Amino acid sequence: MQRIGRDSKAVIEFTLTWHEQGVDHQDSTWADPVSLWRDVIDPGLVQELDGQGVGGQAAIDIPADRFSQPYDRRKRIAIRPEQFRNHDRFGNDIFLRQGRFYPQGLLEGVDGVFRVSTAPCRYLGADGDRLLFDLNHPLAGHDLRLQATVQAIHTTAKERGGRCEDWLERASAGGPGMQASIGTGVISTLAAEDLQRVDDRPDDTFYRQPRLVQHLDASARREITRNYGRLIPAGAKVLDLMGSWDSHLPEHLVLGGLTVLGLNEEELRRNRRAGEIRVHDLNATPQLPFTDAAFDAVICTASIEYLTRLHAVVAEIRRVLRPGGLVAIAFSNRWFPPKAIRIWTELHEFERLGLVTDLLATNGGFSGLSTLSRRGLPRPEDDPHQELMFSDPVFMVWGQAT
């Protein structure tokens, strides 16, 4: 079996974990290729990986003051309203919302900030006639743990050139930390227009035609299935909310029952694991047709973005869960555009994790909240969308009913 050496190139998955405001977060980035001799990797990780084969792991702790972009109070700034460019490059208006992240390039007259900068900054609100922004990295100020897992080892000759990658910088870029609680910003101020959709016809009209297809690629589906398998206990009575012909549950998981609730009867009848099906429109009637504490787990896959009565449905999820029961919500960055609520389409994909987490937290009745993201995997070779380089990313939020 091949082993990692100091001259190796490998496929490594880097996983960052951290804790914030009572929520555990985990983000995994697929990295290929990683050069153990050329790239910037913590020496402790390299030393631990040396001699390991596929499946080998190493981990280091990164205290907040050792993060490459430590928290700096001077990056909390106040600007005049006219220093915020309130339109994007397409001319669309941008309305500031407390708690949201925006590209730093929208700020003018700020030292070290350039118009082309896409690094995020968080809008903190107004203070008199000034707008307050935090330009710190979204992970700044947090103690982190970085784990490296060997997924494959490349057979290559020694080389002494090429591009050098800083893998902590790569793993922490692109959104991790932006799932921080939105708190009193977005979730408490959702307006009617935030929940509007391009196609506001009754949902039973849109979903009348069965769609017996997969909406996510095989890698994303495997990741969702794997996580449902580790979160849902054997023998659980499960409700698949806004479900269809595939509940994305592992074959080996023995259930105490599976109820699938959705909008298309033919799709539901094709779900071979379902013991019970219910045709029900949650946007028309958010009340679930089940008794209190009827289920051990409620799952919702690639559908939360279609709900127009979010708080009411989350309250119903809590009602039908027994104490200690699991709620797990999974999604990606693909959906039916006409039916997704407006706020969902405007949020960064990591901010959507914050929105769903806040939904569970602000409605009460849930504890042990956690988020997960996994991104950067190669597109499956048999997938028809080969124009896309990477597999569909997976995002999940889960917790337990109190």
Protein backbone atom coordinates (compact mmCIF):
# COMPACT_ATOMS: atom_id res chain seq x y z
CA MET A 1 0.00 0.00 0.00
CA GLN A 2 1.22 3.47 -0.87
CA ARG A 3 2.31 5.69 2.00
CA ILE A 4 2.59 9.42 2.37
CA GLY A 5 6.14 10.72 2.21
CA ARG A 6 7.69 14.16 2.29
CA ASP A 7 7.80 14.23 -1.54
CA SER A 8 4.25 12.95 -2.03
CA LYS A 9 1.34 14.50 -3.87
CA ALA A 10 -2.04 13.46 -2.57
CA VAL A 11 -5.76 14.11 -2.48
CA ILE A 12 -6.50 15.44 0.98
CA GLU A 13 -9.75 16.62 2.51
CA PHE A 14 -9.25 19.49 4.93
CA THR A 15 -11.93 19.89 7.61
CA LEU A 16 -12.25 22.96 9.80
CA THR A 17 -14.33 22.79 12.98
CA TRP A 18 -15.21 25.55 15.42
CA HIS A 19 -17.86 26.55 17.95
CA GLU A 20 -19.81 29.78 18.00
CA GLN A 21 -22.81 30.98 20.03
CA GLY A 22 -23.76 27.46 21.09
CA VAL A 23 -23.52 25.97 17.59
CA ASP A 24 -20.90 23.49 16.34
CA HIS A 25 -19.69 24.10 12.79
CA GLN A 26 -17.78 21.90 10.34
CA ASP A 27 -16.61 22.68 6.82
CA SER A 28 -14.74 20.26 4.55
CA THR A 29 -12.79 21.17 1.41
CA TRP A 30 -11.55 18.59 -1.11
CA ALA A 31 -7.99 19.43 -2.21
CA ASP A 32 -6.30 17.83 -5.24
CA PRO A 33 -3.39 17.79 -5.68
CA VAL A 34 -1.66 18.63 -2.42
CA SER A 35 2.13 18.72 -2.54
CA LEU A 36 3.59 17.77 0.83
CA TRP A 37 6.95 19.33 0.01
CA ARG A 38 5.93 22.47 -1.90
CA ASP A 39 2.62 23.70 -0.47
CA VAL A 40 2.13 25.69 2.71
CA ILE A 41 0.87 23.18 5.30
CA ASP A 42 1.40 23.25 9.04
CA PRO A 43 4.56 21.21 9.79
CA GLY A 44 2.69 19.37 12.51
CA LEU A 45 0.17 18.06 9.98
CA VAL A 46 2.91 17.00 7.56
CA GLN A 47 4.77 15.17 10.31
CA GLU A 48 1.64 13.32 11.45
CA LEU A 49 0.68 12.34 7.89
CA ASP A 50 4.15 11.00 7.08
CA GLY A 51 3.97 7.23 6.61
CA GLN A 52 0.16 7.05 6.56
CA GLY A 53 -1.88 5.51 3.79
CA VAL A 54 -5.30 6.26 2.32
CA GLY A 55 -7.70 7.00 5.16
CA GLY A 56 -4.95 8.33 7.38
CA GLN A 57 -5.70 11.43 9.41
CA ALA A 58 -3.90 14.19 11.24
CA ALA A 59 -5.22 17.19 13.13
CA ILE A 60 -3.94 20.38 14.75
CA ASP A 61 -5.54 23.05 16.90
CA ILE A 62 -5.27 26.65 15.75
CA PRO A 63 -5.86 29.12 18.59
CA ALA A 64 -7.55 32.36 17.54
CA ASP A 65 -4.33 34.34 17.90
CA ARG A 66 -2.50 31.95 15.52
CA PHE A 67 -5.03 32.16 12.71
CA SER A 68 -3.53 33.69 9.59
CA GLN A 69 -5.99 36.58 9.84
CA PRO A 70 -6.44 37.19 13.59
CA TYR A 71 -9.19 39.45 14.85
CA ASP A 72 -8.34 43.16 14.72
CA ARG A 73 -10.63 45.74 16.34
CA ARG A 74 -9.36 48.34 13.88
CA LYS A 75 -11.20 46.45 11.15
CA ARG A 76 -14.54 47.46 12.69
CA ILE A 77 -15.15 50.67 10.79
CA ALA A 78 -17.75 53.42 10.47
CA ILE A 79 -18.39 55.03 7.08
CA ARG A 80 -20.74 57.65 5.68
CA PRO A 81 -23.77 56.27 3.80
CA GLU A 82 -22.46 57.64 0.51
CA GLN A 83 -19.33 55.47 0.90
CA PHE A 84 -21.42 52.36 0.33
CA ARG A 85 -22.07 51.66 -3.35
CA ASN A 86 -25.67 50.52 -3.17
CA HIS A 87 -25.83 48.79 -6.54
CA ASP A 88 -24.09 45.82 -8.09
CA ARG A 89 -22.26 45.59 -11.42
CA PHE A 90 -25.55 44.87 -13.17
CA GLY A 91 -27.13 48.04 -11.81
CA ASN A 92 -29.38 46.23 -9.31
CA ASP A 93 -30.04 48.05 -6.05
CA ILE A 94 -28.48 46.65 -2.88
CA PHE A 95 -30.31 47.21 0.38
CA LEU A 96 -28.29 46.82 3.55
CA ARG A 97 -29.59 44.32 6.06
CA GLN A 98 -28.13 44.04 9.53
CA GLY A 99 -26.17 40.81 9.95
CA ARG A 100 -25.60 40.24 6.22
CA PHE A 101 -22.21 39.96 4.54
CA TYR A 102 -21.29 42.10 1.53
CA PRO A 103 -18.20 42.26 -0.73
CA GLN A 104 -15.68 44.73 0.63
CA GLY A 105 -15.40 46.19 -2.87
CA LEU A 106 -18.73 47.95 -2.28
CA LEU A 107 -17.02 50.23 0.26
CA GLU A 108 -15.34 53.38 -0.98
CA GLY A 109 -12.61 55.46 0.64
CA VAL A 110 -11.53 52.73 3.09
CA ASP A 111 -7.80 52.13 3.55
CA GLY A 112 -6.67 48.80 2.06
CA VAL A 113 -10.01 48.11 0.38
CA PHE A 114 -10.18 48.08 -3.40
CA ARG A 115 -13.15 48.02 -5.74
CA VAL A 116 -12.28 44.53 -7.01
CA SER A 117 -12.21 42.99 -3.51
CA THR A 118 -14.68 40.15 -3.03
CA ALA A 119 -13.64 39.45 0.59
CA PRO A 120 -16.72 39.61 2.83
CA CYS A 121 -17.50 42.26 5.40
CA ARG A 122 -20.44 42.17 7.77
CA TYR A 123 -22.90 45.01 8.14
CA LEU A 124 -23.41 45.64 11.86
CA GLY A 125 -26.04 48.35 11.62
CA ALA A 126 -26.17 52.12 11.84
CA ASP A 127 -24.80 54.38 14.54
CA GLY A 128 -26.26 57.81 14.04
CA ASP A 129 -25.25 58.98 10.58
CA ARG A 130 -22.62 56.25 10.14
CA LEU A 131 -22.79 52.70 8.79
CA LEU A 132 -20.86 50.10 10.79
CA PHE A 133 -18.99 47.26 9.09
CA ASP A 134 -16.69 44.49 10.31
CA LEU A 135 -13.91 43.74 7.81
CA ASN A 136 -12.42 40.88 9.82
CA HIS A 137 -12.32 37.41 8.28
CA PRO A 138 -15.56 35.57 9.23
CA LEU A 139 -13.46 33.03 11.20
CA ALA A 140 -11.32 35.63 12.96
CA GLY A 141 -11.50 35.41 16.75
CA HIS A 142 -12.39 31.70 16.83
CA ASP A 143 -10.33 28.76 17.99
CA LEU A 144 -10.17 26.33 15.09
CA ARG A 145 -9.30 22.69 14.58
CA LEU A 146 -7.93 21.60 11.21
CA GLN A 147 -8.05 17.94 10.23
CA ALA A 148 -6.44 16.43 7.13
CA THR A 149 -7.74 13.12 5.76
CA VAL A 150 -5.83 11.30 3.00
CA GLN A 151 -8.28 10.36 0.22
CA ALA A 152 -5.77 9.20 -2.40
CA ILE A 153 -2.01 9.23 -3.08
CA HIS A 154 -0.74 10.17 -6.53
CA THR A 155 2.02 8.15 -8.14
CA THR A 156 4.35 10.81 -9.50
CA ALA A 157 8.03 11.39 -9.95
CA LYS A 158 9.74 13.92 -7.74
CA GLU A 159 9.35 17.49 -8.86
CA ARG A 160 10.79 20.79 -7.80
CA GLY A 161 8.49 23.41 -9.25
CA GLY A 162 4.91 24.47 -9.71
CA ARG A 163 2.37 26.59 -7.93
CA CYS A 164 2.48 26.82 -4.14
CA GLU A 165 -0.86 26.62 -2.29
CA ASP A 166 -1.57 27.72 1.28
CA TRP A 167 -4.12 25.11 2.27
CA LEU A 168 -5.30 26.73 5.50
CA GLU A 169 -6.00 29.87 3.51
CA ARG A 170 -7.82 27.85 0.83
CA ALA A 171 -9.82 25.85 3.37
CA SER A 172 -10.93 28.99 5.22
CA ALA A 173 -11.86 30.93 2.05
CA GLY A 174 -15.14 31.04 0.21
CA GLY A 175 -17.58 31.29 3.08
CA PRO A 176 -16.71 29.39 6.29
CA GLY A 177 -17.72 31.58 9.22
CA MET A 178 -20.47 33.30 7.27
CA GLN A 179 -22.93 30.80 8.78
CA ALA A 180 -22.51 32.67 12.07
CA SER A 181 -25.85 33.39 13.66
CA ILE A 182 -27.65 36.16 11.84
CA GLY A 183 -29.43 36.81 15.14
CA THR A 184 -31.60 39.88 15.30
CA GLY A 185 -30.76 40.75 11.71
CA VAL A 186 -32.23 38.73 8.84
CA ILE A 187 -34.43 36.17 10.53
CA SER A 188 -36.36 38.46 12.85
CA THR A 189 -37.05 40.99 10.10
CA LEU A 190 -38.19 38.75 7.26
CA ALA A 191 -40.70 40.80 5.33
CA ALA A 192 -43.42 39.65 2.98
CA GLU A 193 -41.24 40.43 -0.04
CA ASP A 194 -38.46 38.18 1.34
CA LEU A 195 -40.83 35.23 1.06
CA GLN A 196 -42.15 36.05 -2.39
CA ARG A 197 -41.38 33.83 -5.37
CA VAL A 198 -41.17 34.45 -9.10
CA ASP A 199 -43.93 31.88 -9.63
CA ASP A 200 -46.48 32.46 -6.90
CA ARG A 201 -49.10 30.11 -8.33
CA PRO A 202 -50.39 27.42 -5.94
CA ASP A 203 -47.72 24.79 -5.47
CA ASP A 204 -49.98 21.90 -6.35
CA THR A 205 -50.15 23.36 -9.87
CA PHE A 206 -46.37 23.59 -10.27
CA TYR A 207 -45.78 20.11 -8.87
CA ARG A 208 -48.67 18.40 -10.67
CA GLN A 209 -46.29 16.85 -13.19
CA PRO A 210 -44.15 14.14 -11.53
CA ARG A 211 -40.40 14.65 -11.69
CA LEU A 212 -38.84 11.23 -11.24
CA VAL A 213 -35.28 12.52 -11.51
CA GLN A 214 -32.46 13.26 -9.11
CA HIS A 215 -31.91 16.94 -8.42
CA LEU A 216 -28.37 16.59 -7.00
CA ASP A 217 -25.38 14.68 -8.35
CA ALA A 218 -24.31 11.29 -7.03
CA SER A 219 -21.53 12.60 -4.77
CA ALA A 220 -23.85 15.07 -3.05
CA ARG A 221 -26.51 12.41 -2.59
CA ARG A 222 -23.99 10.00 -1.07
CA GLU A 223 -22.90 12.68 1.40
CA ILE A 224 -26.48 13.40 2.46
CA THR A 225 -27.20 9.67 2.80
CA ARG A 226 -24.02 9.13 4.85
CA ASN A 227 -24.94 11.87 7.28
CA TYR A 228 -28.54 10.77 7.66
CA GLY A 229 -27.15 7.32 8.41
CA ARG A 230 -24.94 8.54 11.24
CA LEU A 231 -27.56 10.89 12.71
CA ILE A 232 -30.73 8.77 12.60
CA PRO A 233 -30.81 5.91 15.12
CA ALA A 234 -31.86 2.42 14.08
CA GLY A 235 -35.54 1.76 14.66
CA ALA A 236 -36.48 5.44 14.36
CA LYS A 237 -39.85 6.57 13.06
CA VAL A 238 -38.91 9.09 10.38
CA LEU A 239 -40.87 11.83 8.63
CA ASP A 240 -39.45 12.91 5.26
CA LEU A 241 -40.79 16.43 4.85
CA MET A 242 -41.39 17.84 1.35
CA GLY A 243 -40.24 14.47 0.07
CA SER A 244 -40.42 12.60 -3.21
CA TRP A 245 -39.53 9.20 -4.66
CA ASP A 246 -36.10 9.01 -2.94
CA SER A 247 -35.66 9.79 0.76
CA HIS A 248 -31.83 9.58 0.59
CA LEU A 249 -31.67 7.12 3.49
CA PRO A 250 -29.01 4.39 3.66
CA GLU A 251 -30.15 0.92 2.67
CA HIS A 252 -28.68 -0.63 5.82
CA LEU A 253 -30.60 1.67 8.19
CA VAL A 254 -33.48 -0.28 9.71
CA LEU A 255 -36.37 2.07 10.44
CA GLY A 256 -39.37 1.85 12.72
CA GLY A 257 -41.33 3.48 9.90
CA LEU A 258 -40.99 6.08 7.16
CA THR A 259 -43.69 8.62 6.37
CA VAL A 260 -43.13 10.77 3.30
CA LEU A 261 -45.05 14.03 2.91
CA GLY A 262 -44.97 15.83 -0.43
CA LEU A 263 -46.98 17.35 -3.22
CA ASN A 264 -46.99 14.78 -6.02
CA GLU A 265 -48.77 11.50 -5.32
CA GLU A 266 -47.07 9.56 -8.10
CA GLU A 267 -43.62 10.57 -6.83
CA LEU A 268 -44.56 9.54 -3.30
CA ARG A 269 -45.91 6.16 -4.43
CA ARG A 270 -42.58 5.44 -6.15
CA ASN A 271 -40.75 5.79 -2.80
CA ARG A 272 -40.17 2.10 -2.08
CA ARG A 273 -39.14 2.67 1.56
CA ALA A 274 -42.21 4.68 2.49
CA GLY A 275 -44.66 2.94 4.80
CA GLU A 276 -47.06 5.88 4.63
CA ILE A 277 -47.42 8.77 2.20
CA ARG A 278 -49.26 12.07 2.62
CA VAL A 279 -50.04 14.60 -0.11
CA HIS A 280 -49.96 17.93 1.68
CA ASP A 281 -49.15 21.54 0.74
CA LEU A 282 -47.22 23.17 3.60
CA ASN A 283 -47.39 26.62 2.05
CA ALA A 284 -51.18 26.45 1.95
CA THR A 285 -51.52 24.66 5.30
CA PRO A 286 -48.38 24.62 7.47
CA GLN A 287 -50.02 22.44 10.12
CA LEU A 288 -48.73 18.87 9.85
CA PRO A 289 -51.42 16.15 9.82
CA PHE A 290 -49.81 14.16 12.65
CA THR A 291 -50.18 13.89 16.41
CA ASP A 292 -47.74 15.40 18.90
CA ALA A 293 -44.42 13.55 19.37
CA ALA A 294 -45.23 11.13 16.55
CA PHE A 295 -41.69 10.88 15.14
CA ASP A 296 -38.12 10.21 16.24
CA ALA A 297 -36.65 12.15 13.31
CA VAL A 298 -37.76 14.70 10.73
CA ILE A 299 -35.62 15.18 7.62
CA CYS A 300 -35.95 17.70 4.81
CA THR A 301 -33.78 17.37 1.70
CA ALA A 302 -33.24 20.09 -0.91
CA SER A 303 -36.62 21.68 -0.22
CA ILE A 304 -36.41 24.16 2.67
CA GLU A 305 -35.92 27.02 0.18
CA TYR A 306 -39.49 26.62 -1.11
CA LEU A 307 -41.26 27.28 2.19
CA THR A 308 -43.09 30.60 2.45
CA ARG A 309 -44.25 30.06 6.07
CA LEU A 310 -40.95 29.13 7.63
CA HIS A 311 -41.63 29.83 11.29
CA ALA A 312 -44.95 28.01 11.27
CA VAL A 313 -43.47 24.89 9.68
CA VAL A 314 -40.49 24.80 12.07
CA ALA A 315 -42.90 25.07 15.01
CA GLU A 316 -44.83 22.11 13.58
CA ILE A 317 -41.62 20.10 13.19
CA ARG A 318 -40.96 20.61 16.89
CA ARG A 319 -44.51 19.60 17.78
CA VAL A 320 -44.41 16.26 15.94
CA LEU A 321 -40.95 15.33 17.27
CA ARG A 322 -40.59 13.45 20.51
CA PRO A 323 -38.20 14.98 23.10
CA GLY A 324 -34.67 14.18 21.99
CA GLY A 325 -35.83 13.61 18.42
CA LEU A 326 -33.72 14.71 15.47
CA VAL A 327 -34.39 17.41 12.91
CA ALA A 328 -31.96 17.41 9.95
CA ILE A 329 -32.21 19.81 7.01
CA ALA A 330 -29.97 19.32 3.96
CA PHE A 331 -29.63 21.46 0.85
CA SER A 332 -27.27 22.45 -1.95
CA ASN A 333 -27.00 25.40 -4.33
CA ARG A 334 -29.45 24.04 -6.90
CA TRP A 335 -33.22 24.55 -6.87
CA PHE A 336 -36.24 25.37 -9.02
CA PRO A 337 -35.69 29.14 -9.48
CA PRO A 338 -39.38 30.09 -9.91
CA LYS A 339 -40.32 28.52 -6.58
CA ALA A 340 -37.45 29.50 -4.25
CA ILE A 341 -38.21 32.32 -1.83
CA ARG A 342 -36.47 35.60 -2.62
CA ILE A 343 -34.31 35.81 0.52
CA TRP A 344 -32.82 32.38 -0.26
CA THR A 345 -31.68 33.47 -3.70
CA GLU A 346 -30.06 36.64 -2.29
CA LEU A 347 -28.07 35.00 0.52
CA HIS A 348 -24.56 33.62 0.15
CA GLU A 349 -24.68 29.82 0.36
CA PHE A 350 -23.01 29.85 3.79
CA GLU A 351 -25.43 32.52 5.00
CA ARG A 352 -28.22 30.07 4.17
CA LEU A 353 -26.75 27.80 6.83
CA GLY A 354 -27.09 30.72 9.24
CA LEU A 355 -30.68 31.32 8.17
CA VAL A 356 -31.72 27.70 8.78
CA THR A 357 -29.81 27.58 12.07
CA ASP A 358 -31.55 30.75 13.22
CA LEU A 359 -34.91 29.30 12.23
CA LEU A 360 -34.35 26.41 14.62
CA ALA A 361 -32.83 28.57 17.34
CA THR A 362 -35.34 31.42 17.33
CA ASN A 363 -38.38 29.14 17.27
CA GLY A 364 -37.15 27.46 20.44
CA GLY A 365 -37.42 23.84 21.39
CA PHE A 366 -34.15 22.69 19.78
CA SER A 367 -30.69 22.15 21.24
CA GLY A 368 -27.34 20.72 20.15
CA LEU A 369 -27.43 22.65 16.88
CA SER A 370 -24.72 21.81 14.35
CA THR A 371 -23.89 22.75 10.76
CA LEU A 372 -21.92 20.92 8.11
CA SER A 373 -20.67 21.87 4.66
CA ARG A 374 -18.69 19.80 2.17
CA ARG A 375 -17.42 21.27 -1.09
CA GLY A 376 -14.90 20.94 -3.86
CA LEU A 377 -15.33 17.24 -4.69
CA PRO A 378 -14.81 16.39 -8.37
CA ARG A 379 -17.90 16.09 -10.52
CA PRO A 380 -18.91 12.43 -10.95
CA GLU A 381 -17.67 11.14 -14.30
CA ASP A 382 -21.11 9.88 -15.30
CA ASP A 383 -22.87 13.13 -14.41
CA PRO A 384 -24.46 14.90 -17.41
CA HIS A 385 -23.39 18.35 -16.19
CA GLN A 386 -19.71 17.98 -17.00
CA GLU A 387 -19.48 21.72 -17.66
CA LEU A 388 -19.48 22.05 -13.86
CA MET A 389 -16.03 21.33 -12.43
CA PHE A 390 -17.10 20.38 -8.92
CA SER A 391 -19.76 18.21 -7.35
CA ASP A 392 -22.81 19.92 -5.89
CA PRO A 393 -21.86 21.22 -2.44
CA VAL A 394 -23.74 19.85 0.56
CA PHE A 395 -24.97 21.93 3.49
CA MET A 396 -26.74 20.53 6.55
CA VAL A 397 -28.18 21.80 9.83
CA TRP A 398 -29.40 19.52 12.58
CA GLY A 399 -30.42 19.52 16.21
CA GLN A 400 -32.50 17.75 18.83
CA ALA A 401 -35.95 18.56 20.16
CA THR A 402 -35.87 19.53 23.85
